[in-house]
Amino acid sequence: MESSNSGRYFATNQSEAERRRKAAKSGNKHGNPITVPTKILAAVADPTCPESIFTAGAMGFVYRISLPLAKRIATYRGPEAPATCLALGGREGKTIFAGSWDKVVWSWDIESTKPGLAYRGHSDFVKAVVCTRLAGKEILISGGADKKILVWDVETGRCMHTVQDPTTTMLAVQFLAVDPVATAADAVVVFSASSDPHIRRWQITLDGCQQLPDSFHDRPGVERPTIEEHDTSVYKLVFDVDGDETDLWTASADGTAKCLARSRNFVADDVFAHGDFVRAVLVTDHWVITAGRDEHVKVWDRVTGKLYCQLEGHFEEVTELVMLRNAQGLPDKFCSVSIDRTIRTWPLDKAELDDVVRKIHEPPMPTTETPAGGGDKLLTAEEEAELAELMDD
């Protein structure tokens, strides 16, 4: 007879302590958590509603979540393996795309949830997707663990181009971002991040693709084939579209988030040392927000570069940060998602942030309950272990 109860197997003191820590932390209500049935691996904002988001998870489902209602309002089915990345696009932006471990990019009509085309061509996990327009045509760009970037005609499902770095050892593609400055109507410029430290630039036209080199900022006329400002894997690329320079922000496994200045040919201008794998980064006029493997969401003062506060609530790795904009299109709040299956929403206003931090650090309310037989603990050691096992299950 087999058991799925991990508590029945041998566990080190360290792993048992970690299980208990997460069980104890899982009940917190910081960030008004919304729980979904699956570990959340990716999330994007809903452009049609400032108070809803789309999530992709380990069970393969894509959910549309209403934050005010705290519930799922649509479910998109198809993948039978984890869905790892999301993008919105297609005609009039009414299609949602999800890359999956099954090597396929799936698509659905947002409103009807009806499945659309399935884009098959990768030979390994799909880990990144992005949508844009090229010469009046809607295109989808996907990147995978097979080290390839594929360019698709959204309407026909035809693979237009296959892109791969011919000169360096490009590892699994982790993220793709369209450069809003360098892109033109007939040529799209895409930045790719991968499991190696290199960030690459690609120019895509209807006729083909080419890799774009960068010039050293301190050696005019000398080119470098890639942008290398991190020590190891780069997980996220974000263009600061609200800034004057539209700089590139990055998140890396080396424990830092960096601002790569466009005026200096994407050399690091600011560095924010989060301290553990950084999975996501967001920027506003006032804040830089980082999150990752250590479960914490850290808010930095963009001007001084100093840590302003730490938002504690998640009890597993944070996988994504999503900006929420109000009716005027301005940053209003943001949410964090995690493999702990929760979505947590946080304010951007300084006074509201201060209030949230104060509540996080308030001591728990004293209880008047007394355990049977007296004593200071409400649970025995055996009961605590049983609770940890139930939470783990």
Protein backbone atom coordinates (compact mmCIF):
# COMPACT_ATOMS: atom_id res chain seq x y z
CA MET A 1 0.00 0.00 0.00
CA GLU A 2 1.41 3.38 -1.03
CA SER A 3 0.82 6.71 0.67
CA SER A 4 0.93 10.23 -0.76
CA ASN A 5 1.36 11.70 2.69
CA SER A 6 4.86 13.15 2.71
CA GLY A 7 4.87 13.20 6.51
CA ARG A 8 5.04 9.39 6.56
CA TYR A 9 8.42 9.37 4.87
CA PHE A 10 11.75 10.10 6.47
CA ALA A 11 12.31 13.83 6.66
CA THR A 12 15.27 15.79 7.95
CA ASN A 13 14.79 18.18 10.83
CA GLN A 14 15.37 21.03 8.41
CA SER A 15 12.66 19.93 5.96
CA GLU A 16 10.24 19.27 8.83
CA ALA A 17 10.90 22.74 10.22
CA GLU A 18 10.39 24.24 6.77
CA ARG A 19 7.09 22.40 6.38
CA ARG A 20 5.91 23.69 9.73
CA ARG A 21 7.01 27.24 8.90
CA LYS A 22 5.00 27.25 5.69
CA ALA A 23 1.99 25.71 7.39
CA ALA A 24 2.07 28.41 10.06
CA LYS A 25 2.52 31.20 7.51
CA SER A 26 -0.14 29.96 5.10
CA GLY A 27 -3.01 31.28 7.16
CA ASN A 28 -2.02 34.94 6.95
CA LYS A 29 -4.35 37.40 5.21
CA HIS A 30 -1.77 39.94 4.09
CA GLY A 31 -2.55 41.25 0.61
CA ASN A 32 -6.14 39.90 0.74
CA PRO A 33 -5.19 36.54 -0.76
CA ILE A 34 -7.29 34.89 -3.43
CA THR A 35 -6.66 31.16 -3.67
CA VAL A 36 -6.80 29.18 -6.92
CA PRO A 37 -6.63 25.38 -7.32
CA THR A 38 -3.15 25.26 -8.86
CA LYS A 39 0.36 26.61 -8.45
CA ILE A 40 0.57 29.88 -10.38
CA LEU A 41 3.46 30.01 -12.84
CA ALA A 42 2.58 33.13 -14.84
CA ALA A 43 0.15 36.05 -14.86
CA VAL A 44 -0.74 39.05 -17.03
CA ALA A 45 -3.07 42.01 -16.61
CA ASP A 46 -6.48 41.99 -18.30
CA PRO A 47 -6.43 44.99 -20.68
CA THR A 48 -10.24 45.13 -20.79
CA CYS A 49 -10.67 45.34 -17.02
CA PRO A 50 -8.23 47.01 -14.61
CA GLU A 51 -9.35 44.78 -11.76
CA SER A 52 -8.87 41.35 -13.28
CA ILE A 53 -5.89 39.25 -14.35
CA PHE A 54 -5.13 36.04 -16.22
CA THR A 55 -3.10 33.28 -14.57
CA ALA A 56 -1.43 30.13 -15.90
CA GLY A 57 -0.77 27.19 -13.65
CA ALA A 58 0.78 23.82 -13.02
CA MET A 59 -2.44 21.96 -13.84
CA GLY A 60 -2.46 23.39 -17.36
CA PHE A 61 -5.49 25.64 -16.87
CA VAL A 62 -5.57 29.37 -17.62
CA TYR A 63 -7.89 31.35 -15.36
CA ARG A 64 -9.43 34.79 -15.68
CA ILE A 65 -9.68 36.13 -12.13
CA SER A 66 -11.83 39.01 -10.91
CA LEU A 67 -9.96 40.59 -8.01
CA PRO A 68 -12.97 42.47 -6.51
CA LEU A 69 -15.11 39.32 -6.70
CA ALA A 70 -12.18 37.16 -5.52
CA LYS A 71 -13.11 34.35 -7.89
CA ARG A 72 -12.53 32.79 -11.30
CA ILE A 73 -14.80 34.21 -13.99
CA ALA A 74 -13.46 32.09 -16.88
CA THR A 75 -11.42 28.93 -17.36
CA TYR A 76 -9.46 28.07 -20.52
CA ARG A 77 -8.70 24.38 -21.04
CA GLY A 78 -6.42 22.49 -23.39
CA PRO A 79 -2.91 21.80 -22.09
CA GLU A 80 -2.42 18.59 -20.13
CA ALA A 81 0.89 19.81 -18.76
CA PRO A 82 1.85 22.98 -16.84
CA ALA A 83 1.12 26.27 -18.62
CA THR A 84 4.17 28.45 -18.05
CA CYS A 85 3.67 31.74 -19.91
CA LEU A 86 0.93 34.05 -21.19
CA ALA A 87 0.42 36.74 -23.81
CA LEU A 88 -2.54 38.73 -25.14
CA GLY A 89 -2.91 39.61 -28.80
CA GLY A 90 -4.50 38.52 -32.03
CA ARG A 91 -7.07 40.54 -33.91
CA GLU A 92 -8.28 43.42 -31.69
CA GLY A 93 -6.38 41.86 -28.80
CA LYS A 94 -9.16 39.38 -28.11
CA THR A 95 -7.03 36.23 -27.94
CA ILE A 96 -5.05 34.82 -25.04
CA PHE A 97 -2.04 32.60 -25.72
CA ALA A 98 -0.37 30.18 -23.31
CA GLY A 99 2.88 28.26 -23.74
CA SER A 100 3.05 24.85 -22.12
CA TRP A 101 5.38 22.05 -21.13
CA ASP A 102 3.64 19.97 -23.81
CA LYS A 103 5.69 21.98 -26.40
CA VAL A 104 2.55 23.74 -27.75
CA VAL A 105 1.35 27.33 -27.69
CA TRP A 106 -2.41 27.24 -27.08
CA SER A 107 -4.92 30.00 -27.85
CA TRP A 108 -8.48 30.89 -26.86
CA ASP A 109 -11.02 33.60 -27.53
CA ILE A 110 -11.01 35.65 -24.34
CA GLU A 111 -14.76 36.18 -24.04
CA SER A 112 -16.14 32.84 -25.23
CA THR A 113 -13.20 30.71 -23.94
CA LYS A 114 -13.44 28.80 -27.22
CA PRO A 115 -10.12 27.20 -28.22
CA GLY A 116 -8.34 28.66 -31.23
CA LEU A 117 -5.28 27.47 -33.13
CA ALA A 118 -2.58 25.39 -31.45
CA TYR A 119 0.92 26.38 -32.56
CA ARG A 120 3.18 23.31 -32.75
CA GLY A 121 6.85 23.51 -33.64
CA HIS A 122 8.95 23.51 -30.49
CA SER A 123 10.74 20.31 -29.51
CA ASP A 124 10.81 21.12 -25.78
CA PHE A 125 8.95 23.15 -23.15
CA VAL A 126 7.56 26.52 -24.30
CA LYS A 127 8.68 29.09 -21.73
CA ALA A 128 7.99 32.51 -23.27
CA VAL A 129 5.41 34.10 -25.57
CA VAL A 130 4.78 37.64 -26.78
CA CYS A 131 2.49 39.19 -29.39
CA THR A 132 2.99 42.14 -31.72
CA ARG A 133 2.24 43.45 -35.22
CA LEU A 134 4.53 43.25 -38.22
CA ALA A 135 3.67 44.93 -41.54
CA GLY A 136 -0.01 44.86 -40.63
CA LYS A 137 0.09 41.19 -39.66
CA GLU A 138 -0.55 39.85 -36.16
CA ILE A 139 2.41 37.72 -35.12
CA LEU A 140 3.21 35.53 -32.13
CA ILE A 141 6.77 34.97 -30.96
CA SER A 142 7.58 32.02 -28.71
CA GLY A 143 10.72 30.79 -26.99
CA GLY A 144 11.46 27.39 -25.54
CA ALA A 145 13.77 25.09 -23.65
CA ASP A 146 14.86 23.87 -27.10
CA LYS A 147 16.89 27.13 -27.32
CA LYS A 148 14.80 28.33 -30.28
CA ILE A 149 12.63 31.36 -30.95
CA LEU A 150 9.76 30.76 -33.38
CA VAL A 151 7.80 33.47 -35.20
CA TRP A 152 4.19 32.62 -36.06
CA ASP A 153 1.48 34.07 -38.25
CA VAL A 154 -1.35 34.27 -35.70
CA GLU A 155 -4.16 33.96 -38.24
CA THR A 156 -2.87 30.96 -40.17
CA GLY A 157 -0.76 29.24 -37.52
CA ARG A 158 2.17 29.05 -39.95
CA CYS A 159 5.68 29.23 -38.53
CA MET A 160 7.31 32.09 -40.43
CA HIS A 161 10.84 31.97 -38.96
CA THR A 162 13.01 29.92 -36.62
CA VAL A 163 15.69 31.88 -34.77
CA GLN A 164 18.69 30.58 -32.87
CA ASP A 165 21.98 32.13 -31.82
CA PRO A 166 24.56 30.60 -34.22
CA THR A 167 27.70 31.75 -32.44
CA THR A 168 27.20 31.32 -28.69
CA THR A 169 25.74 28.67 -26.47
CA MET A 170 22.22 29.99 -26.01
CA LEU A 171 20.37 28.00 -23.37
CA ALA A 172 16.63 27.75 -22.69
CA VAL A 173 14.74 30.94 -23.58
CA GLN A 174 13.20 32.35 -20.40
CA PHE A 175 11.53 35.57 -21.55
CA LEU A 176 10.78 37.72 -24.61
CA ALA A 177 10.06 41.45 -24.76
CA VAL A 178 9.34 43.71 -27.74
CA ASP A 179 11.43 46.90 -27.79
CA PRO A 180 8.89 49.76 -28.06
CA VAL A 181 11.52 52.22 -29.29
CA ALA A 182 13.46 50.26 -31.92
CA THR A 183 10.41 48.50 -33.37
CA ALA A 184 8.97 49.91 -36.61
CA ALA A 185 5.97 49.00 -38.76
CA ASP A 186 8.04 46.70 -40.99
CA ALA A 187 10.64 45.48 -38.49
CA VAL A 188 10.13 44.22 -34.94
CA VAL A 189 13.01 44.23 -32.45
CA VAL A 190 12.74 41.60 -29.71
CA PHE A 191 14.94 41.10 -26.66
CA SER A 192 15.36 37.55 -25.38
CA ALA A 193 16.55 36.36 -21.97
CA SER A 194 17.73 32.84 -21.30
CA SER A 195 19.24 30.45 -18.79
CA ASP A 196 22.66 31.87 -19.56
CA PRO A 197 23.62 35.45 -18.57
CA HIS A 198 23.22 36.82 -22.11
CA ILE A 199 20.44 39.08 -23.34
CA ARG A 200 20.09 39.00 -27.12
CA ARG A 201 18.41 41.34 -29.60
CA TRP A 202 16.69 40.16 -32.76
CA GLN A 203 15.28 42.09 -35.68
CA ILE A 204 12.34 40.34 -37.33
CA THR A 205 10.89 41.21 -40.73
CA LEU A 206 8.57 39.37 -43.08
CA ASP A 207 11.62 38.19 -45.01
CA GLY A 208 13.74 36.91 -42.15
CA CYS A 209 15.49 37.49 -38.83
CA GLN A 210 18.90 38.68 -37.76
CA GLN A 211 20.67 39.05 -34.45
CA LEU A 212 21.62 42.63 -33.58
CA PRO A 213 24.93 43.28 -31.85
CA ASP A 214 25.46 46.03 -29.28
CA SER A 215 28.25 48.59 -29.11
CA PHE A 216 30.38 48.95 -26.01
CA HIS A 217 29.51 52.26 -24.39
CA ASP A 218 33.17 53.01 -23.63
CA ARG A 219 34.65 51.67 -26.88
CA PRO A 220 32.93 53.33 -29.83
CA GLY A 221 32.89 51.19 -32.93
CA VAL A 222 33.45 47.95 -31.01
CA GLU A 223 30.54 45.54 -30.96
CA ARG A 224 29.56 42.84 -28.48
CA PRO A 225 27.28 40.06 -29.73
CA THR A 226 25.08 40.08 -26.61
CA ILE A 227 24.24 42.21 -23.58
CA GLU A 228 25.91 40.61 -20.56
CA GLU A 229 25.20 42.49 -17.34
CA HIS A 230 24.24 39.57 -15.08
CA ASP A 231 26.23 36.64 -13.71
CA THR A 232 23.71 33.91 -14.49
CA SER A 233 20.14 33.24 -15.75
CA VAL A 234 17.91 36.20 -16.61
CA TYR A 235 14.22 35.53 -15.92
CA LYS A 236 12.43 38.77 -16.76
CA LEU A 237 12.72 41.76 -19.10
CA VAL A 238 10.57 44.87 -18.64
CA PHE A 239 10.70 48.10 -20.61
CA ASP A 240 9.92 51.18 -18.56
CA VAL A 241 7.40 52.59 -21.02
CA ASP A 242 6.50 55.44 -18.66
CA GLY A 243 10.07 56.72 -18.52
CA ASP A 244 11.79 59.21 -20.81
CA GLU A 245 14.46 56.77 -21.97
CA THR A 246 12.39 53.55 -22.03
CA ASP A 247 15.19 51.71 -20.26
CA LEU A 248 15.31 47.93 -19.87
CA TRP A 249 14.77 46.39 -16.44
CA THR A 250 15.92 42.85 -15.72
CA ALA A 251 15.48 40.19 -13.04
CA SER A 252 18.08 37.48 -12.56
CA ALA A 253 19.03 34.35 -10.63
CA ASP A 254 22.13 36.23 -9.46
CA GLY A 255 19.87 37.89 -6.87
CA THR A 256 19.62 41.31 -8.52
CA ALA A 257 17.29 43.44 -10.58
CA LYS A 258 19.01 45.98 -12.81
CA CYS A 259 18.18 48.99 -14.92
CA LEU A 260 20.03 48.78 -18.24
CA ALA A 261 20.28 52.31 -19.59
CA ARG A 262 19.38 52.74 -23.22
CA SER A 263 21.54 55.88 -23.39
CA ARG A 264 24.57 53.74 -22.46
CA ASN A 265 23.80 50.91 -24.87
CA PHE A 266 22.13 48.87 -22.14
CA VAL A 267 24.86 48.91 -19.55
CA ALA A 268 23.65 48.57 -15.95
CA ASP A 269 22.84 51.95 -14.43
CA ASP A 270 21.10 50.91 -11.21
CA VAL A 271 21.32 47.66 -9.27
CA PHE A 272 18.84 46.43 -6.67
CA ALA A 273 20.20 43.55 -4.60
CA HIS A 274 17.11 41.53 -3.69
CA GLY A 275 19.26 38.77 -2.21
CA ASP A 276 17.85 35.60 -3.81
CA PHE A 277 16.65 34.51 -7.26
CA VAL A 278 14.63 37.43 -8.65
CA ARG A 279 11.72 36.18 -10.75
CA ALA A 280 9.90 39.45 -11.39
CA VAL A 281 10.39 43.21 -11.42
CA LEU A 282 8.00 46.16 -11.79
CA VAL A 283 8.77 49.87 -12.01
CA THR A 284 6.74 53.03 -11.44
CA ASP A 285 7.78 56.67 -11.25
CA HIS A 286 8.50 56.24 -7.55
CA TRP A 287 9.04 52.52 -6.88
CA VAL A 288 11.02 49.52 -8.06
CA ILE A 289 9.37 46.27 -6.94
CA THR A 290 11.15 42.90 -6.91
CA ALA A 291 10.06 39.39 -5.94
CA GLY A 292 11.28 35.83 -6.25
CA ARG A 293 12.35 32.65 -4.54
CA ASP A 294 12.61 34.04 -0.99
CA GLU A 295 8.79 34.60 -0.90
CA HIS A 296 9.18 38.34 -0.19
CA VAL A 297 7.95 41.28 -2.25
CA LYS A 298 10.41 44.14 -1.84
CA VAL A 299 9.60 47.77 -2.60
CA TRP A 300 12.55 50.06 -3.33
CA ASP A 301 12.73 53.84 -3.56
CA ARG A 302 13.63 54.39 -7.20
CA VAL A 303 15.47 57.67 -6.56
CA THR A 304 17.61 56.67 -3.60
CA GLY A 305 17.89 52.97 -4.45
CA LYS A 306 17.16 52.07 -0.82
CA LEU A 307 14.76 49.37 0.34
CA TYR A 308 11.56 51.09 1.48
CA CYS A 309 9.60 48.10 2.76
CA GLN A 310 9.15 44.35 2.53
CA LEU A 311 5.71 42.86 1.97
CA GLU A 312 5.35 39.46 3.62
CA GLY A 313 2.47 37.14 2.89
CA HIS A 314 3.43 34.46 0.38
CA PHE A 315 4.78 31.20 1.74
CA GLU A 316 6.25 29.85 -1.51
CA GLU A 317 8.22 31.35 -4.39
CA VAL A 318 6.69 34.44 -6.02
CA THR A 319 6.56 33.91 -9.79
CA GLU A 320 5.15 37.16 -11.16
CA LEU A 321 4.20 40.76 -10.39
CA VAL A 322 1.35 42.41 -12.30
CA MET A 323 0.64 46.14 -12.47
CA LEU A 324 -3.00 47.08 -12.02
CA ARG A 325 -4.09 50.37 -13.58
CA ASN A 326 -7.10 52.49 -12.73
CA ALA A 327 -9.73 53.81 -15.15
CA GLN A 328 -7.37 56.61 -16.19
CA GLY A 329 -4.68 54.10 -17.11
CA LEU A 330 -2.37 55.08 -14.23
CA PRO A 331 -0.63 52.60 -11.92
CA ASP A 332 -2.95 52.10 -8.96
CA LYS A 333 -2.10 48.80 -7.28
CA PHE A 334 -0.13 45.70 -8.11
CA CYS A 335 -0.55 42.03 -7.36
CA SER A 336 1.89 39.21 -6.74
CA VAL A 337 1.27 35.56 -7.61
CA SER A 338 2.99 32.48 -6.29
CA ILE A 339 3.29 28.74 -6.42
CA ASP A 340 1.55 28.88 -3.02
CA ARG A 341 -1.63 29.20 -5.18
CA THR A 342 -2.46 32.71 -4.00
CA ILE A 343 -2.88 36.12 -5.63
CA ARG A 344 -2.18 39.02 -3.28
CA THR A 345 -2.93 42.68 -4.02
CA TRP A 346 -0.83 45.55 -2.66
CA PRO A 347 -1.16 49.37 -2.83
CA LEU A 348 1.29 51.73 -4.51
CA ASP A 349 0.32 54.80 -2.48
CA LYS A 350 2.95 55.51 0.18
CA ALA A 351 0.52 56.03 3.05
CA GLU A 352 -1.38 52.86 2.17
CA LEU A 353 1.88 50.91 1.92
CA ASP A 354 2.87 52.16 5.37
CA ASP A 355 -0.45 50.95 6.75
CA VAL A 356 -0.01 47.50 5.18
CA VAL A 357 3.50 47.15 6.61
CA ARG A 358 2.27 48.21 10.05
CA LYS A 359 -0.42 45.52 9.97
CA ILE A 360 2.06 42.88 8.80
CA HIS A 361 4.28 43.54 11.80
CA GLU A 362 1.52 43.88 14.37
CA PRO A 363 1.71 41.14 17.01
CA PRO A 364 -1.11 38.60 16.77
CA MET A 365 -4.18 39.29 18.90
CA PRO A 366 -4.02 37.48 22.26
CA THR A 367 -6.37 34.58 22.69
CA THR A 368 -8.42 33.77 25.78
CA GLU A 369 -8.61 30.07 24.95
CA THR A 370 -6.77 27.69 27.21
CA PRO A 371 -5.81 24.17 26.13
CA ALA A 372 -7.21 21.28 28.07
CA GLY A 373 -5.12 20.55 31.13
CA GLY A 374 -3.67 24.09 31.22
CA GLY A 375 -0.31 25.16 29.78
CA ASP A 376 0.75 27.80 27.25
CA LYS A 377 0.33 25.96 23.90
CA LEU A 378 -2.96 25.45 22.11
CA LEU A 379 -1.63 22.43 20.18
CA THR A 380 0.49 19.55 21.26
CA ALA A 381 3.59 18.64 19.27
CA GLU A 382 1.70 15.74 17.69
CA GLU A 383 -1.21 18.01 16.73
CA GLU A 384 1.16 20.58 15.23
CA ALA A 385 2.82 17.86 13.15
CA GLU A 386 -0.57 16.63 11.97
CA LEU A 387 -1.60 20.18 10.99
CA ALA A 388 1.64 20.62 9.03
CA GLU A 389 1.00 17.37 7.18
CA LEU A 390 -2.56 18.41 6.31
CA MET A 391 -1.37 21.79 5.01
CA ASP A 392 1.34 20.07 2.98
CA ASP A 393 -1.22 17.73 1.42
